Amino acid sequence: MYEIILDISRYIFIIYISIFLLLGFLICLGEKNIISINTRLYLFLQRLIIFFFHTSTFMILIFNRETKQLNLNTILFFLLTLIFIILGNGIACLIYRNSCHLIWNGIFFLISLCISELYRLNPHLAKRQFVWLILGLCICLIIPIILNILPRLNLFKYIYLFLGLSLLLYTLLLGTENGGAKNWISIKGFTFQPSELVKILFIFYLSSCFSYHNLKIKDLIFPSIMSLVFIICLVFQTDLGSALIFFMTYLVILYISTSKTWIVLLGSFLACIGSVIGYKLFNHVKVRVEIWLNPFSDIDNKGYQIAQSLFAIGTYAPMGSGFNRGMPNTIPVVEKDLIFSAICEEFGVFFGIGVILVFIMIFYRGVKISLNSQNKFLGLLSSGMTSLLCFQTFLIIGGATKLIPLTGVTLPFVSYGGSSIVISFVLIGILQWVSIRNAKYNVHEDNKNYQEVEI
């Protein structure tokens, strides 16, 4: 009976994510007045899908196939995480009242997937991740209070620069190595990844520098040099994934602030040169490129991780093996680097494509927030946050599918990692805060226009 339920669940999960995405698509059409819908109802239905998805995954995990009994610890963890997802989404929508609630639904769907998949892979890590999720959400909820108290944020560019470089240099000199990259700081047993925090400082710095109108070439030189220093520090930490994310985010903010295509093309050309130099200088870069080109040439050693990732994605193809029935733990570091492969193995490739579309939905709404910003600084800030999350998602999914060399960054809101989860919440919090500011500005402009008409 249990095996029959697993077979049926493969189709049910795809139905869940399909309906979730369809509702999101209809909400977007409704906002453009293409169709007439009840937005609140559709958002509620999305939250209902998240509830059913989370409940369905844990109904499978609660039953122990070996002892034929229910696992009480799993039941308790399920109830706690379900309460967190329901209350967390509700409180976030309440605190960020005029923000994009579609983004919150997308985030909490990914969180539900994260908790379910991690608990299936390693219950201990799932419980630790749950603590980080609570901490990240709590920090996210106080972001509007903090940012509303602070004066003009674009005046502190040198503070952002100093703090960011200080963290990177400290890590470079006194950091600890983990997974081949010296990008961790350990203090009395507590470890965190400073580059995650530096991402935010980096975006604030660039947004502050480029927020002025009528920028000239000379205004771009110093911020560009400092951006290069950030990237070089990350390269020497051998954190190449983060270095690439920083560079791509810099190019996006630079292009938006200047609208000069030739600058971006020049930056891309210099990036290609830098990649060649990195390939010549660093042996681990050569190894990753070789593995990317042909992981099966050394499948028992260097190519084992990516080969197992490809096997996981391709073995059960469209519908997957069924949740809790595959062998995702055969992939090294699956809970951090290649959790997307584990999802594709058990939920199916169709479901994996749905997860990518959920990310695209979130990024689309982030771009919309950026385009609606009347303040250039806030526009650059929101576009930087969105592009950073977008490039990070592309790098890890592209690496898992062998589209690009594997870099080892985390999949936002899905992979295991305390620093990543907390900073991802902060990024979304700042993005949603900009959305609130846009809504207040639009209301003010509408009232102003109404008064002018009355006069």
Protein backbone atom coordinates (compact mmCIF):
# COMPACT_ATOMS: atom_id res chain seq x y z
CA MET A 1 0.00 0.00 0.00
CA TYR A 2 2.81 2.36 0.91
CA GLU A 3 4.50 1.80 -2.47
CA ILE A 4 1.23 2.57 -4.25
CA ILE A 5 0.97 5.84 -2.33
CA LEU A 6 4.52 6.73 -3.41
CA ASP A 7 3.63 6.04 -7.05
CA ILE A 8 0.54 8.24 -6.87
CA SER A 9 2.39 10.99 -5.00
CA ARG A 10 4.72 11.55 -7.97
CA TYR A 11 1.76 12.88 -9.95
CA ILE A 12 0.22 14.73 -7.01
CA PHE A 13 3.38 16.76 -6.38
CA ILE A 14 3.55 17.80 -10.04
CA ILE A 15 -0.11 18.82 -9.86
CA TYR A 16 0.64 20.89 -6.76
CA ILE A 17 3.46 22.87 -8.32
CA SER A 18 1.60 23.25 -11.64
CA ILE A 19 -1.45 24.76 -9.92
CA PHE A 20 0.83 26.96 -7.78
CA LEU A 21 2.55 28.34 -10.89
CA LEU A 22 -0.72 28.73 -12.81
CA LEU A 23 -2.19 30.80 -9.98
CA GLY A 24 0.92 32.99 -9.98
CA PHE A 25 0.67 33.46 -13.75
CA LEU A 26 -3.01 34.42 -13.49
CA ILE A 27 -2.21 36.93 -10.73
CA CYS A 28 0.36 38.58 -13.01
CA LEU A 29 -2.17 38.71 -15.86
CA GLY A 30 -4.75 40.19 -13.52
CA GLU A 31 -2.41 42.99 -12.49
CA LYS A 32 -1.97 43.91 -16.14
CA ASN A 33 -5.79 43.97 -16.52
CA ILE A 34 -5.60 41.24 -19.17
CA ILE A 35 -8.08 39.15 -17.15
CA SER A 36 -10.30 39.92 -14.20
CA ILE A 37 -9.45 37.94 -11.06
CA ASN A 38 -9.72 38.10 -7.29
CA THR A 39 -6.04 38.50 -6.37
CA ARG A 40 -6.55 37.83 -2.67
CA LEU A 41 -8.38 34.60 -3.42
CA TYR A 42 -5.64 33.39 -5.76
CA LEU A 43 -2.93 34.23 -3.22
CA PHE A 44 -4.89 32.30 -0.59
CA LEU A 45 -5.17 29.32 -2.94
CA GLN A 46 -1.39 29.40 -3.41
CA ARG A 47 -0.95 29.27 0.36
CA LEU A 48 -3.37 26.35 0.44
CA ILE A 49 -1.18 24.53 -2.09
CA ILE A 50 1.86 25.09 0.14
CA PHE A 51 -0.11 23.62 3.07
CA PHE A 52 -1.11 20.53 1.09
CA PHE A 53 2.41 20.09 -0.34
CA HIS A 54 4.08 20.26 3.06
CA THR A 55 1.51 17.92 4.59
CA SER A 56 1.80 15.41 1.76
CA THR A 57 5.60 15.18 1.93
CA PHE A 58 5.58 14.61 5.68
CA MET A 59 2.77 12.07 5.50
CA ILE A 60 5.25 10.01 3.49
CA LEU A 61 8.13 10.67 5.89
CA ILE A 62 6.11 10.00 9.05
CA PHE A 63 5.51 6.33 8.20
CA ASN A 64 8.53 4.11 8.82
CA ARG A 65 8.65 1.38 6.18
CA GLU A 66 10.91 -0.85 8.28
CA THR A 67 9.01 -0.83 11.59
CA LYS A 68 5.57 -0.23 10.01
CA GLN A 69 4.94 2.44 12.67
CA LEU A 70 4.48 6.18 12.82
CA ASN A 71 7.49 8.27 13.81
CA LEU A 72 6.42 10.59 16.64
CA ASN A 73 9.51 12.81 16.32
CA THR A 74 8.71 13.35 12.64
CA ILE A 75 5.10 14.22 13.50
CA LEU A 76 6.25 16.85 16.01
CA PHE A 77 8.75 18.33 13.57
CA PHE A 78 6.07 18.40 10.85
CA LEU A 79 3.64 20.29 13.09
CA LEU A 80 6.29 22.83 14.13
CA THR A 81 7.41 23.49 10.57
CA LEU A 82 3.84 23.70 9.30
CA ILE A 83 3.00 26.30 11.96
CA PHE A 84 6.16 28.19 11.00
CA ILE A 85 5.24 28.21 7.31
CA ILE A 86 1.64 29.32 7.91
CA LEU A 87 2.38 31.94 10.57
CA GLY A 88 5.61 33.08 8.93
CA ASN A 89 3.92 33.78 5.62
CA GLY A 90 1.01 35.51 7.35
CA ILE A 91 3.20 37.68 9.57
CA ALA A 92 5.51 38.60 6.67
CA CYS A 93 2.51 39.72 4.60
CA LEU A 94 1.24 41.69 7.62
CA ILE A 95 4.55 43.43 8.37
CA TYR A 96 5.23 44.05 4.67
CA ARG A 97 1.61 45.01 4.07
CA ASN A 98 2.01 46.71 0.69
CA SER A 99 4.79 44.44 -0.57
CA CYS A 100 4.58 41.73 -3.24
CA HIS A 101 2.77 38.83 -1.56
CA LEU A 102 3.43 36.64 -4.59
CA ILE A 103 7.13 36.73 -3.68
CA TRP A 104 6.32 35.59 -0.14
CA ASN A 105 4.30 32.66 -1.44
CA GLY A 106 7.18 31.65 -3.72
CA ILE A 107 9.68 31.89 -0.87
CA PHE A 108 7.60 29.80 1.52
CA PHE A 109 6.97 27.16 -1.13
CA LEU A 110 10.75 26.84 -1.51
CA ILE A 111 11.12 26.73 2.28
CA SER A 112 8.60 23.90 2.50
CA LEU A 113 10.53 22.02 -0.18
CA CYS A 114 13.79 22.73 1.68
CA ILE A 115 12.51 21.37 4.99
CA SER A 116 10.95 18.27 3.43
CA GLU A 117 13.97 17.34 1.30
CA LEU A 118 16.51 18.02 4.04
CA TYR A 119 14.53 15.95 6.55
CA ARG A 120 14.46 13.12 4.04
CA LEU A 121 18.24 13.41 3.52
CA ASN A 122 19.35 14.11 7.08
CA PRO A 123 16.85 14.85 9.90
CA HIS A 124 19.58 16.39 12.08
CA LEU A 125 20.52 18.93 9.41
CA ALA A 126 16.83 19.68 8.78
CA LYS A 127 16.35 20.56 12.45
CA ARG A 128 19.38 22.84 12.40
CA GLN A 129 18.12 24.43 9.19
CA PHE A 130 14.77 25.05 10.86
CA VAL A 131 16.52 27.10 13.57
CA TRP A 132 18.26 29.16 10.88
CA LEU A 133 14.96 29.68 9.08
CA ILE A 134 13.38 31.04 12.25
CA LEU A 135 16.36 33.35 12.84
CA GLY A 136 16.37 34.51 9.21
CA LEU A 137 12.65 35.30 9.24
CA CYS A 138 12.93 37.20 12.55
CA ILE A 139 15.73 39.35 11.13
CA CYS A 140 13.74 39.83 7.94
CA LEU A 141 10.71 41.10 9.89
CA ILE A 142 12.66 43.87 11.62
CA ILE A 143 14.33 45.13 8.43
CA PRO A 144 11.58 47.70 7.65
CA ILE A 145 11.91 49.12 11.18
CA ILE A 146 15.70 49.43 10.89
CA LEU A 147 15.72 50.90 7.37
CA ASN A 148 12.95 53.38 8.20
CA ILE A 149 14.88 54.66 11.21
CA LEU A 150 18.14 55.17 9.31
CA PRO A 151 18.56 58.40 7.31
CA ARG A 152 19.39 58.41 3.60
CA LEU A 153 21.09 55.11 2.97
CA ASN A 154 23.05 56.28 -0.08
CA LEU A 155 25.20 58.55 2.12
CA PHE A 156 27.11 55.70 3.77
CA LYS A 157 28.97 54.30 0.76
CA TYR A 158 32.39 54.46 2.44
CA ILE A 159 31.05 52.65 5.50
CA TYR A 160 29.72 49.86 3.25
CA LEU A 161 33.10 49.73 1.50
CA PHE A 162 35.12 49.63 4.72
CA LEU A 163 32.98 46.95 6.38
CA GLY A 164 32.88 44.77 3.27
CA LEU A 165 36.61 44.86 2.61
CA SER A 166 37.41 44.40 6.30
CA LEU A 167 35.36 41.20 6.44
CA LEU A 168 36.95 39.81 3.26
CA LEU A 169 40.50 40.66 4.32
CA TYR A 170 39.97 39.21 7.78
CA THR A 171 38.67 36.00 6.22
CA LEU A 172 41.57 35.90 3.79
CA LEU A 173 44.14 36.24 6.58
CA LEU A 174 42.52 34.42 9.52
CA GLY A 175 39.67 32.41 8.00
CA THR A 176 39.30 28.66 8.01
CA GLU A 177 39.17 26.41 4.97
CA ASN A 178 36.13 24.30 4.16
CA GLY A 179 35.54 22.42 0.92
CA GLY A 180 38.68 23.84 -0.69
CA ALA A 181 37.75 27.50 -0.09
CA LYS A 182 39.10 29.67 2.71
CA ASN A 183 35.86 31.59 3.18
CA TRP A 184 34.74 30.77 6.72
CA ILE A 185 35.28 32.41 10.09
CA SER A 186 35.09 30.31 13.24
CA ILE A 187 34.54 31.92 16.66
CA LYS A 188 34.23 29.58 19.65
CA GLY A 189 32.69 26.81 17.57
CA PHE A 190 30.32 29.14 15.72
CA THR A 191 31.13 29.35 12.02
CA PHE A 192 29.74 31.66 9.37
CA GLN A 193 30.57 32.74 5.83
CA PRO A 194 31.39 36.48 5.72
CA SER A 195 31.06 36.66 1.93
CA GLU A 196 27.30 36.18 2.37
CA LEU A 197 27.07 39.39 4.41
CA VAL A 198 29.50 41.17 2.10
CA LYS A 199 27.06 40.57 -0.78
CA ILE A 200 24.62 43.00 0.81
CA LEU A 201 27.31 45.56 1.64
CA PHE A 202 28.63 45.30 -1.92
CA ILE A 203 25.22 46.04 -3.43
CA PHE A 204 24.63 48.95 -1.04
CA TYR A 205 28.05 50.35 -1.94
CA LEU A 206 27.56 50.16 -5.71
CA SER A 207 24.00 51.49 -5.49
CA SER A 208 25.27 54.45 -3.45
CA CYS A 209 28.08 55.19 -5.90
CA PHE A 210 25.94 54.92 -9.03
CA SER A 211 22.77 56.55 -7.70
CA TYR A 212 23.70 60.02 -8.97
CA HIS A 213 22.29 61.29 -12.24
CA ASN A 214 24.49 62.22 -15.22
CA LEU A 215 27.31 59.86 -14.26
CA LYS A 216 30.58 60.41 -16.08
CA ILE A 217 33.35 57.93 -16.82
CA LYS A 218 35.52 59.37 -14.04
CA ASP A 219 32.71 58.64 -11.55
CA LEU A 220 32.91 54.95 -12.43
CA ILE A 221 36.65 54.45 -12.01
CA PHE A 222 37.00 54.27 -8.22
CA PRO A 223 33.90 52.06 -7.60
CA SER A 224 35.07 49.75 -10.39
CA ILE A 225 38.54 49.45 -8.85
CA MET A 226 37.02 48.70 -5.45
CA SER A 227 34.74 46.09 -7.02
CA LEU A 228 37.82 44.48 -8.52
CA VAL A 229 39.41 44.40 -5.05
CA PHE A 230 36.33 42.62 -3.70
CA ILE A 231 36.52 40.04 -6.47
CA ILE A 232 40.29 39.52 -6.10
CA CYS A 233 39.85 38.86 -2.36
CA LEU A 234 37.27 36.20 -3.17
CA VAL A 235 39.50 34.67 -5.84
CA PHE A 236 42.39 34.36 -3.39
CA GLN A 237 39.98 32.70 -0.96
CA THR A 238 39.30 30.30 -3.89
CA ASP A 239 35.61 31.18 -3.51
CA LEU A 240 35.19 31.44 -7.28
CA GLY A 241 31.42 31.03 -7.25
CA SER A 242 30.97 34.10 -5.07
CA ALA A 243 33.54 36.01 -7.13
CA LEU A 244 31.52 35.34 -10.28
CA ILE A 245 28.26 36.37 -8.55
CA PHE A 246 29.87 39.64 -7.39
CA PHE A 247 31.15 40.39 -10.87
CA MET A 248 27.85 39.70 -12.62
CA THR A 249 25.97 41.79 -10.04
CA TYR A 250 28.45 44.62 -10.62
CA LEU A 251 27.83 44.46 -14.39
CA VAL A 252 24.05 44.59 -13.94
CA ILE A 253 24.15 47.59 -11.61
CA LEU A 254 26.69 49.33 -13.88
CA TYR A 255 24.56 48.81 -16.97
CA ILE A 256 21.34 49.96 -15.29
CA SER A 257 23.00 53.10 -13.95
CA THR A 258 24.73 54.07 -17.22
CA SER A 259 22.70 52.36 -20.00
CA LYS A 260 25.97 51.99 -21.91
CA THR A 261 26.22 48.64 -23.63
CA TRP A 262 29.87 49.04 -24.55
CA ILE A 263 30.86 49.20 -20.87
CA VAL A 264 29.17 45.87 -20.20
CA LEU A 265 30.79 44.33 -23.28
CA LEU A 266 34.18 45.58 -22.12
CA GLY A 267 33.54 44.13 -18.65
CA SER A 268 32.56 40.79 -20.17
CA PHE A 269 35.73 40.76 -22.27
CA LEU A 270 37.85 41.48 -19.20
CA ALA A 271 36.01 38.70 -17.36
CA CYS A 272 36.97 36.25 -20.09
CA ILE A 273 40.60 37.30 -19.76
CA GLY A 274 40.37 36.91 -15.98
CA SER A 275 38.90 33.43 -16.39
CA VAL A 276 41.80 32.37 -18.59
CA ILE A 277 44.29 33.78 -16.08
CA GLY A 278 42.48 31.98 -13.23
CA TYR A 279 42.60 28.75 -15.21
CA LYS A 280 46.35 29.11 -15.65
CA LEU A 281 47.09 30.11 -12.05
CA PHE A 282 44.81 27.89 -9.95
CA ASN A 283 44.99 24.13 -10.19
CA HIS A 284 41.52 23.58 -8.72
CA VAL A 285 40.06 25.68 -11.54
CA LYS A 286 41.68 23.35 -14.06
CA VAL A 287 40.29 20.36 -12.21
CA ARG A 288 36.74 21.75 -12.22
CA VAL A 289 36.91 22.57 -15.92
CA GLU A 290 38.22 19.09 -16.72
CA ILE A 291 35.44 17.52 -14.65
CA TRP A 292 32.88 19.70 -16.39
CA LEU A 293 34.11 18.71 -19.85
CA ASN A 294 34.22 14.98 -19.09
CA PRO A 295 33.21 13.87 -15.58
CA PHE A 296 33.19 10.20 -16.64
CA SER A 297 36.91 10.18 -17.43
CA ASP A 298 37.62 9.96 -13.68
CA ILE A 299 34.25 8.84 -12.38
CA ASP A 300 35.63 7.09 -9.31
CA ASN A 301 37.52 10.14 -8.07
CA LYS A 302 37.30 13.75 -9.27
CA GLY A 303 34.23 13.30 -11.44
CA TYR A 304 32.25 11.26 -8.93
CA GLN A 305 30.11 14.11 -7.54
CA ILE A 306 28.93 15.55 -10.84
CA ALA A 307 28.49 12.07 -12.33
CA GLN A 308 26.24 11.05 -9.44
CA SER A 309 24.33 14.29 -9.90
CA LEU A 310 23.69 13.49 -13.57
CA PHE A 311 22.69 9.92 -12.72
CA ALA A 312 20.23 11.21 -10.12
CA ILE A 313 18.62 13.65 -12.56
CA GLY A 314 18.47 11.26 -15.51
CA THR A 315 17.75 7.85 -13.98
CA TYR A 316 14.05 8.29 -13.25
CA ALA A 317 13.51 11.09 -15.79
CA PRO A 318 10.21 13.04 -15.93
CA MET A 319 8.26 11.69 -12.96
CA GLY A 320 11.06 10.75 -10.55
CA SER A 321 11.43 7.69 -8.35
CA GLY A 322 8.91 8.91 -5.81
CA PHE A 323 9.64 10.94 -2.69
CA ASN A 324 11.64 8.95 -0.11
CA ARG A 325 12.32 6.15 -2.59
CA GLY A 326 15.46 7.24 -4.44
CA MET A 327 19.13 7.19 -3.47
CA PRO A 328 20.07 10.90 -3.24
CA ASN A 329 22.55 10.29 -0.42
CA THR A 330 24.93 8.69 -2.92
CA ILE A 331 25.69 12.25 -4.14
CA PRO A 332 28.54 13.82 -2.13
CA VAL A 333 27.55 17.00 -0.22
CA VAL A 334 24.04 16.64 -1.65
CA GLU A 335 22.38 18.76 1.05
CA LYS A 336 24.51 21.81 0.15
CA ASP A 337 25.84 21.70 -3.40
CA LEU A 338 23.45 19.43 -5.26
CA ILE A 339 20.10 19.40 -3.50
CA PHE A 340 18.48 20.26 -6.84
CA SER A 341 19.69 16.91 -8.19
CA ALA A 342 18.09 15.12 -5.23
CA ILE A 343 14.82 16.94 -5.90
CA CYS A 344 14.88 15.92 -9.56
CA GLU A 345 15.65 12.29 -8.65
CA GLU A 346 12.68 11.82 -6.33
CA PHE A 347 10.14 14.46 -7.40
CA GLY A 348 10.99 14.20 -11.10
CA VAL A 349 12.48 16.43 -13.79
CA PHE A 350 9.06 18.01 -14.47
CA PHE A 351 8.90 19.05 -10.82
CA GLY A 352 12.50 20.34 -11.05
CA ILE A 353 11.47 22.52 -14.00
CA GLY A 354 8.59 23.76 -11.85
CA VAL A 355 11.07 24.73 -9.10
CA ILE A 356 13.05 26.73 -11.67
CA LEU A 357 9.82 28.46 -12.73
CA VAL A 358 9.09 29.36 -9.08
CA PHE A 359 12.48 31.07 -8.95
CA ILE A 360 11.74 32.84 -12.24
CA MET A 361 8.43 34.05 -10.80
CA ILE A 362 10.26 35.53 -7.81
CA PHE A 363 12.91 37.14 -10.03
CA TYR A 364 10.26 38.57 -12.36
CA ARG A 365 8.53 40.23 -9.42
CA GLY A 366 11.89 41.54 -8.21
CA VAL A 367 12.54 43.12 -11.62
CA LYS A 368 9.09 44.68 -11.50
CA ILE A 369 9.85 46.22 -8.11
CA SER A 370 13.06 47.66 -9.56
CA LEU A 371 11.26 49.12 -12.59
CA ASN A 372 8.60 50.71 -10.36
CA SER A 373 11.21 52.49 -8.22
CA GLN A 374 11.06 56.26 -8.69
CA ASN A 375 14.27 56.71 -6.68
CA LYS A 376 17.42 55.69 -8.58
CA PHE A 377 19.18 54.42 -5.46
CA LEU A 378 16.25 52.17 -4.54
CA GLY A 379 15.98 51.00 -8.15
CA LEU A 380 19.64 49.98 -8.21
CA LEU A 381 19.35 48.41 -4.76
CA SER A 382 16.38 46.22 -5.73
CA SER A 383 17.90 45.28 -9.09
CA GLY A 384 21.14 44.32 -7.34
CA MET A 385 19.33 42.11 -4.83
CA THR A 386 17.32 40.44 -7.59
CA SER A 387 20.27 39.87 -9.94
CA LEU A 388 22.41 38.45 -7.13
CA LEU A 389 19.80 35.83 -6.24
CA CYS A 390 19.23 35.15 -9.94
CA PHE A 391 22.91 34.53 -10.74
CA GLN A 392 23.38 32.41 -7.61
CA THR A 393 20.43 30.21 -8.62
CA PHE A 394 21.70 29.92 -12.18
CA LEU A 395 25.21 28.94 -11.05
CA ILE A 396 24.14 26.07 -8.81
CA ILE A 397 21.42 24.68 -11.07
CA GLY A 398 23.69 25.08 -14.09
CA GLY A 399 26.47 23.27 -12.23
CA ALA A 400 24.19 20.44 -11.13
CA THR A 401 23.01 19.86 -14.70
CA LYS A 402 26.53 20.22 -16.21
CA LEU A 403 25.55 23.33 -18.13
CA ILE A 404 28.49 25.14 -16.51
CA PRO A 405 31.30 24.02 -14.17
CA LEU A 406 30.10 23.31 -10.63
CA THR A 407 30.94 26.22 -8.29
CA GLY A 408 29.57 25.00 -4.97
CA VAL A 409 27.29 27.94 -4.11
CA THR A 410 23.97 27.29 -2.37
CA LEU A 411 20.50 27.24 -3.92
CA PRO A 412 18.65 30.12 -2.17
CA PHE A 413 16.08 28.99 0.43
CA VAL A 414 16.56 25.32 -0.54
CA SER A 415 20.15 24.23 0.19
CA TYR A 416 21.41 23.63 3.72
CA GLY A 417 23.41 26.52 5.14
CA GLY A 418 22.80 28.96 7.98
CA SER A 419 24.63 31.97 6.54
CA SER A 420 22.96 31.52 3.17
CA ILE A 421 19.45 31.24 4.61
CA VAL A 422 19.78 34.30 6.85
CA ILE A 423 21.29 36.49 4.13
CA SER A 424 18.71 35.30 1.58
CA PHE A 425 15.98 36.43 3.96
CA VAL A 426 17.72 39.78 4.36
CA LEU A 427 17.94 40.20 0.57
CA ILE A 428 14.22 39.48 0.18
CA GLY A 429 13.42 41.75 3.12
CA ILE A 430 15.26 44.68 1.55
CA LEU A 431 13.62 43.96 -1.82
CA GLN A 432 10.18 43.94 -0.22
CA TRP A 433 10.97 47.11 1.72
CA VAL A 434 11.67 48.83 -1.60
CA SER A 435 8.31 47.51 -2.81
CA ILE A 436 6.62 49.18 0.19
CA ARG A 437 8.40 52.45 -0.56
CA ASN A 438 7.23 52.25 -4.17
CA ALA A 439 3.63 51.69 -3.02
CA LYS A 440 3.79 54.70 -0.65
CA TYR A 441 5.19 56.88 -3.43
CA ASN A 442 2.47 55.82 -5.85
CA VAL A 443 -0.25 56.52 -3.28
CA HIS A 444 1.27 59.95 -2.63
CA GLU A 445 1.37 60.72 -6.36
CA ASP A 446 -2.23 59.56 -6.83
CA ASN A 447 -3.41 61.79 -3.98
CA LYS A 448 -1.41 64.70 -5.38
CA ASN A 449 -2.93 64.28 -8.85
CA TYR A 450 -6.41 63.98 -7.34
CA GLN A 451 -5.95 67.23 -5.42
CA GLU A 452 -4.74 69.01 -8.55
CA VAL A 453 -7.86 67.84 -10.43
CA GLU A 454 -10.12 69.01 -7.60
CA ILE A 455 -8.47 72.43 -7.62
